[in-house]
């Protein structure tokens, strides 16, 4: 009982955001691939930062 419970929601979101990086190889090679990958990487970094801060606090 002295252990803190595991926060499954934030850990699941963290693992799912890391798995989103696999989509880099799946995107077709169009002219919108560059901006799309930039926006996706900003989103993934934001979600990882949010989950890390929530888990630590």
PDB file of N, CA and C in Angstrom:
ATOM      1  N   UNK A   1       0.814  -1.196   0.000  1.00  0.00           N
ATOM      2  CA  UNK A   1       0.000   0.000   0.000  1.00  0.00           C
ATOM      3  C   UNK A   1       0.860   1.264   0.000  1.00  0.00           C
ATOM      4  N   UNK A   2       2.129   1.158   0.326  1.00  0.00           N
ATOM      5  CA  UNK A   2       2.961   2.352   0.365  1.00  0.00           C
ATOM      6  C   UNK A   2       3.425   2.766  -1.029  1.00  0.00           C
ATOM      7  N   UNK A   3       3.241   1.902  -2.025  1.00  0.00           N
ATOM      8  CA  UNK A   3       3.649   2.249  -3.388  1.00  0.00           C
ATOM      9  C   UNK A   3       2.574   3.086  -4.061  1.00  0.00           C
ATOM     10  N   UNK A   4       3.015   4.004  -4.907  1.00  0.00           N
ATOM     11  CA  UNK A   4       2.067   4.822  -5.663  1.00  0.00           C
ATOM     12  C   UNK A   4       1.526   4.012  -6.831  1.00  0.00           C
ATOM     13  N   UNK A   5       0.264   4.180  -7.157  1.00  0.00           N
ATOM     14  CA  UNK A   5      -0.291   3.424  -8.283  1.00  0.00           C
ATOM     15  C   UNK A   5       0.279   3.920  -9.621  1.00  0.00           C
ATOM     16  N   UNK A   6       0.283   3.040 -10.595  1.00  0.00           N
ATOM     17  CA  UNK A   6       0.786   3.382 -11.919  1.00  0.00           C
ATOM     18  C   UNK A   6      -0.312   4.133 -12.671  1.00  0.00           C
ATOM     19  N   UNK A   7       0.061   5.200 -13.318  1.00  0.00           N
ATOM     20  CA  UNK A   7      -0.879   6.000 -14.098  1.00  0.00           C
ATOM     21  C   UNK A   7      -0.905   5.442 -15.525  1.00  0.00           C
ATOM     22  N   UNK A   8      -1.831   4.530 -15.781  1.00  0.00           N
ATOM     23  CA  UNK A   8      -1.878   3.855 -17.070  1.00  0.00           C
ATOM     24  C   UNK A   8      -2.250   4.794 -18.211  1.00  0.00           C
ATOM     25  N   UNK A   9      -3.041   5.805 -17.962  1.00  0.00           N
ATOM     26  CA  UNK A   9      -3.460   6.720 -19.029  1.00  0.00           C
ATOM     27  C   UNK A   9      -2.262   7.488 -19.589  1.00  0.00           C
ATOM     28  N   UNK A  10      -1.440   8.029 -18.721  1.00  0.00           N
ATOM     29  CA  UNK A  10      -0.304   8.809 -19.201  1.00  0.00           C
ATOM     30  C   UNK A  10       0.772   7.908 -19.802  1.00  0.00           C
ATOM     31  N   UNK A  11       0.991   6.735 -19.231  1.00  0.00           N
ATOM     32  CA  UNK A  11       1.974   5.825 -19.820  1.00  0.00           C
ATOM     33  C   UNK A  11       1.512   5.331 -21.178  1.00  0.00           C
ATOM     34  N   UNK A  12       0.215   5.077 -21.352  1.00  0.00           N
ATOM     35  CA  UNK A  12      -0.313   4.647 -22.651  1.00  0.00           C
ATOM     36  C   UNK A  12      -0.168   5.754 -23.682  1.00  0.00           C
ATOM     37  N   UNK A  13      -0.473   6.976 -23.282  1.00  0.00           N
ATOM     38  CA  UNK A  13      -0.329   8.110 -24.191  1.00  0.00           C
ATOM     39  C   UNK A  13       1.131   8.333 -24.568  1.00  0.00           C
ATOM     40  N   UNK A  14       2.026   8.142 -23.629  1.00  0.00           N
ATOM     41  CA  UNK A  14       3.453   8.297 -23.899  1.00  0.00           C
ATOM     42  C   UNK A  14       3.938   7.247 -24.884  1.00  0.00           C
ATOM     43  N   UNK A  15       3.559   6.002 -24.699  1.00  0.00           N
ATOM     44  CA  UNK A  15       3.972   4.927 -25.614  1.00  0.00           C
ATOM     45  C   UNK A  15       3.352   5.105 -26.999  1.00  0.00           C
ATOM     46  N   UNK A  16       2.107   5.549 -27.054  1.00  0.00           N
ATOM     47  CA  UNK A  16       1.456   5.773 -28.345  1.00  0.00           C
ATOM     48  C   UNK A  16       2.112   6.923 -29.099  1.00  0.00           C
ATOM     49  N   UNK A  17       2.521   7.961 -28.398  1.00  0.00           N
ATOM     50  CA  UNK A  17       3.171   9.079 -29.084  1.00  0.00           C
ATOM     51  C   UNK A  17       4.549   8.675 -29.601  1.00  0.00           C
ATOM     52  N   UNK A  18       5.229   7.803 -28.875  1.00  0.00           N
ATOM     53  CA  UNK A  18       6.515   7.304 -29.381  1.00  0.00           C
ATOM     54  C   UNK A  18       6.323   6.410 -30.596  1.00  0.00           C
ATOM     55  N   UNK A  19       5.244   5.651 -30.613  1.00  0.00           N
ATOM     56  CA  UNK A  19       4.965   4.803 -31.768  1.00  0.00           C
ATOM     57  C   UNK A  19       4.533   5.620 -32.984  1.00  0.00           C
ATOM     58  N   UNK A  20       4.108   6.857 -32.777  1.00  0.00           N
ATOM     59  CA  UNK A  20       3.749   7.718 -33.908  1.00  0.00           C
ATOM     60  C   UNK A  20       4.955   8.021 -34.783  1.00  0.00           C
ATOM     61  N   UNK A  21       6.145   7.921 -34.224  1.00  0.00           N
ATOM     62  CA  UNK A  21       7.343   8.188 -35.015  1.00  0.00           C
ATOM     63  C   UNK A  21       7.545   7.144 -36.108  1.00  0.00           C
ATOM     64  N   UNK A  22       6.888   5.995 -35.998  1.00  0.00           N
ATOM     65  CA  UNK A  22       6.976   4.961 -37.031  1.00  0.00           C
ATOM     66  C   UNK A  22       6.318   5.449 -38.319  1.00  0.00           C
ATOM     67  N   UNK A  23       5.384   6.383 -38.214  1.00  0.00           N
ATOM     68  CA  UNK A  23       4.682   6.886 -39.392  1.00  0.00           C
ATOM     69  C   UNK A  23       5.580   7.692 -40.321  1.00  0.00           C
ATOM     70  N   UNK A  24       6.773   8.034 -39.889  1.00  0.00           N
ATOM     71  CA  UNK A  24       7.681   8.784 -40.751  1.00  0.00           C
ATOM     72  C   UNK A  24       7.989   8.009 -42.024  1.00  0.00           C
ATOM     73  N   UNK A  25       8.079   6.681 -41.926  1.00  0.00           N
ATOM     74  CA  UNK A  25       8.401   5.850 -43.085  1.00  0.00           C
ATOM     75  C   UNK A  25       7.179   5.538 -43.931  1.00  0.00           C
ATOM     76  N   UNK A  26       5.987   5.742 -43.398  1.00  0.00           N
ATOM     77  CA  UNK A  26       4.761   5.362 -44.083  1.00  0.00           C
ATOM     78  C   UNK A  26       4.240   6.484 -44.981  1.00  0.00           C
ATOM     79  N   UNK A  27       4.555   7.731 -44.656  1.00  0.00           N
ATOM     80  CA  UNK A  27       4.030   8.854 -45.428  1.00  0.00           C
ATOM     81  C   UNK A  27       4.510   8.791 -46.872  1.00  0.00           C
ATOM     82  N   UNK A  28       3.616   9.062 -47.837  1.00  0.00           N
ATOM     83  CA  UNK A  28       4.054   9.115 -49.236  1.00  0.00           C
ATOM     84  C   UNK A  28       4.921  10.347 -49.499  1.00  0.00           C
ATOM     85  N   UNK A  29       5.676  10.297 -50.560  1.00  0.00           N
ATOM     86  CA  UNK A  29       6.620  11.382 -50.856  1.00  0.00           C
ATOM     87  C   UNK A  29       5.954  12.452 -51.704  1.00  0.00           C
ATOM     88  N   UNK A  30       5.130  13.260 -51.078  1.00  0.00           N
ATOM     89  CA  UNK A  30       4.518  14.419 -51.726  1.00  0.00           C
ATOM     90  C   UNK A  30       5.222  15.672 -51.249  1.00  0.00           C
ATOM     91  N   UNK A  31       4.810  16.804 -51.795  1.00  0.00           N
ATOM     92  CA  UNK A  31       5.433  18.069 -51.393  1.00  0.00           C
ATOM     93  C   UNK A  31       5.013  18.485 -49.985  1.00  0.00           C
ATOM     94  N   UNK A  32       3.941  17.909 -49.489  1.00  0.00           N
ATOM     95  CA  UNK A  32       3.481  18.259 -48.142  1.00  0.00           C
ATOM     96  C   UNK A  32       4.101  17.365 -47.065  1.00  0.00           C
ATOM     97  N   UNK A  33       5.004  16.471 -47.460  1.00  0.00           N
ATOM     98  CA  UNK A  33       5.613  15.569 -46.479  1.00  0.00           C
ATOM     99  C   UNK A  33       6.481  16.336 -45.482  1.00  0.00           C
ATOM    100  N   UNK A  34       7.239  17.302 -45.958  1.00  0.00           N
ATOM    101  CA  UNK A  34       8.125  18.078 -45.070  1.00  0.00           C
ATOM    102  C   UNK A  34       7.373  18.828 -43.984  1.00  0.00           C
ATOM    103  N   UNK A  35       6.395  19.672 -44.371  1.00  0.00           N
ATOM    104  CA  UNK A  35       5.632  20.371 -43.324  1.00  0.00           C
ATOM    105  C   UNK A  35       4.817  19.424 -42.449  1.00  0.00           C
ATOM    106  N   UNK A  36       4.331  18.336 -43.024  1.00  0.00           N
ATOM    107  CA  UNK A  36       3.566  17.378 -42.226  1.00  0.00           C
ATOM    108  C   UNK A  36       4.428  16.700 -41.181  1.00  0.00           C
ATOM    109  N   UNK A  37       5.650  16.330 -41.569  1.00  0.00           N
ATOM    110  CA  UNK A  37       6.561  15.715 -40.596  1.00  0.00           C
ATOM    111  C   UNK A  37       6.994  16.712 -39.529  1.00  0.00           C
ATOM    112  N   UNK A  38       7.136  17.963 -39.916  1.00  0.00           N
ATOM    113  CA  UNK A  38       7.488  18.990 -38.934  1.00  0.00           C
ATOM    114  C   UNK A  38       6.372  19.170 -37.907  1.00  0.00           C
ATOM    115  N   UNK A  39       5.141  19.272 -38.378  1.00  0.00           N
ATOM    116  CA  UNK A  39       4.006  19.417 -37.460  1.00  0.00           C
ATOM    117  C   UNK A  39       3.827  18.177 -36.589  1.00  0.00           C
ATOM    118  N   UNK A  40       4.024  16.998 -37.187  1.00  0.00           N
ATOM    119  CA  UNK A  40       3.886  15.771 -36.412  1.00  0.00           C
ATOM    120  C   UNK A  40       4.964  15.678 -35.339  1.00  0.00           C
ATOM    121  N   UNK A  41       6.183  16.055 -35.688  1.00  0.00           N
ATOM    122  CA  UNK A  41       7.256  15.977 -34.689  1.00  0.00           C
ATOM    123  C   UNK A  41       7.036  16.982 -33.565  1.00  0.00           C
ATOM    124  N   UNK A  42       6.524  18.174 -33.882  1.00  0.00           N
ATOM    125  CA  UNK A  42       6.206  19.155 -32.841  1.00  0.00           C
ATOM    126  C   UNK A  42       5.109  18.607 -31.928  1.00  0.00           C
ATOM    127  N   UNK A  43       4.104  17.973 -32.507  1.00  0.00           N
ATOM    128  CA  UNK A  43       3.027  17.383 -31.715  1.00  0.00           C
ATOM    129  C   UNK A  43       3.501  16.247 -30.834  1.00  0.00           C
ATOM    130  N   UNK A  44       4.355  15.383 -31.393  1.00  0.00           N
ATOM    131  CA  UNK A  44       4.867  14.250 -30.614  1.00  0.00           C
ATOM    132  C   UNK A  44       5.719  14.746 -29.458  1.00  0.00           C
ATOM    133  N   UNK A  45       6.560  15.727 -29.703  1.00  0.00           N
ATOM    134  CA  UNK A  45       7.398  16.289 -28.628  1.00  0.00           C
ATOM    135  C   UNK A  45       6.523  16.946 -27.567  1.00  0.00           C
ATOM    136  N   UNK A  46       5.480  17.635 -27.989  1.00  0.00           N
ATOM    137  CA  UNK A  46       4.572  18.258 -27.025  1.00  0.00           C
ATOM    138  C   UNK A  46       3.855  17.253 -26.151  1.00  0.00           C
ATOM    139  N   UNK A  47       3.393  16.155 -26.760  1.00  0.00           N
ATOM    140  CA  UNK A  47       2.701  15.121 -25.989  1.00  0.00           C
ATOM    141  C   UNK A  47       3.673  14.433 -25.037  1.00  0.00           C
ATOM    142  N   UNK A  48       4.886  14.157 -25.497  1.00  0.00           N
ATOM    143  CA  UNK A  48       5.887  13.528 -24.631  1.00  0.00           C
ATOM    144  C   UNK A  48       6.219  14.436 -23.454  1.00  0.00           C
ATOM    145  N   UNK A  49       6.387  15.727 -23.715  1.00  0.00           N
ATOM    146  CA  UNK A  49       6.669  16.668 -22.625  1.00  0.00           C
ATOM    147  C   UNK A  49       5.511  16.737 -21.627  1.00  0.00           C
ATOM    148  N   UNK A  50       4.283  16.777 -22.150  1.00  0.00           N
ATOM    149  CA  UNK A  50       3.117  16.858 -21.268  1.00  0.00           C
ATOM    150  C   UNK A  50       3.024  15.611 -20.386  1.00  0.00           C
ATOM    151  N   UNK A  51       3.210  14.436 -20.987  1.00  0.00           N
ATOM    152  CA  UNK A  51       3.120  13.196 -20.205  1.00  0.00           C
ATOM    153  C   UNK A  51       4.238  13.101 -19.177  1.00  0.00           C
ATOM    154  N   UNK A  52       5.437  13.522 -19.561  1.00  0.00           N
ATOM    155  CA  UNK A  52       6.554  13.461 -18.631  1.00  0.00           C
ATOM    156  C   UNK A  52       6.309  14.371 -17.433  1.00  0.00           C
ATOM    157  N   UNK A  53       5.844  15.576 -17.689  1.00  0.00           N
ATOM    158  CA  UNK A  53       5.558  16.490 -16.582  1.00  0.00           C
ATOM    159  C   UNK A  53       4.423  15.969 -15.706  1.00  0.00           C
ATOM    160  N   UNK A  54       3.382  15.400 -16.308  1.00  0.00           N
ATOM    161  CA  UNK A  54       2.268  14.858 -15.519  1.00  0.00           C
ATOM    162  C   UNK A  54       2.704  13.670 -14.677  1.00  0.00           C
ATOM    163  N   UNK A  55       3.571  12.831 -15.227  1.00  0.00           N
ATOM    164  CA  UNK A  55       4.030  11.655 -14.472  1.00  0.00           C
ATOM    165  C   UNK A  55       4.922  12.102 -13.312  1.00  0.00           C
ATOM    166  N   UNK A  56       5.775  13.092 -13.555  1.00  0.00           N
ATOM    167  CA  UNK A  56       6.685  13.551 -12.500  1.00  0.00           C
ATOM    168  C   UNK A  56       5.949  14.299 -11.389  1.00  0.00           C
ATOM    169  N   UNK A  57       4.910  15.045 -11.738  1.00  0.00           N
ATOM    170  CA  UNK A  57       4.203  15.826 -10.737  1.00  0.00           C
ATOM    171  C   UNK A  57       3.087  15.022 -10.157  1.00  0.00           C
TER     172      UNK A  57
END
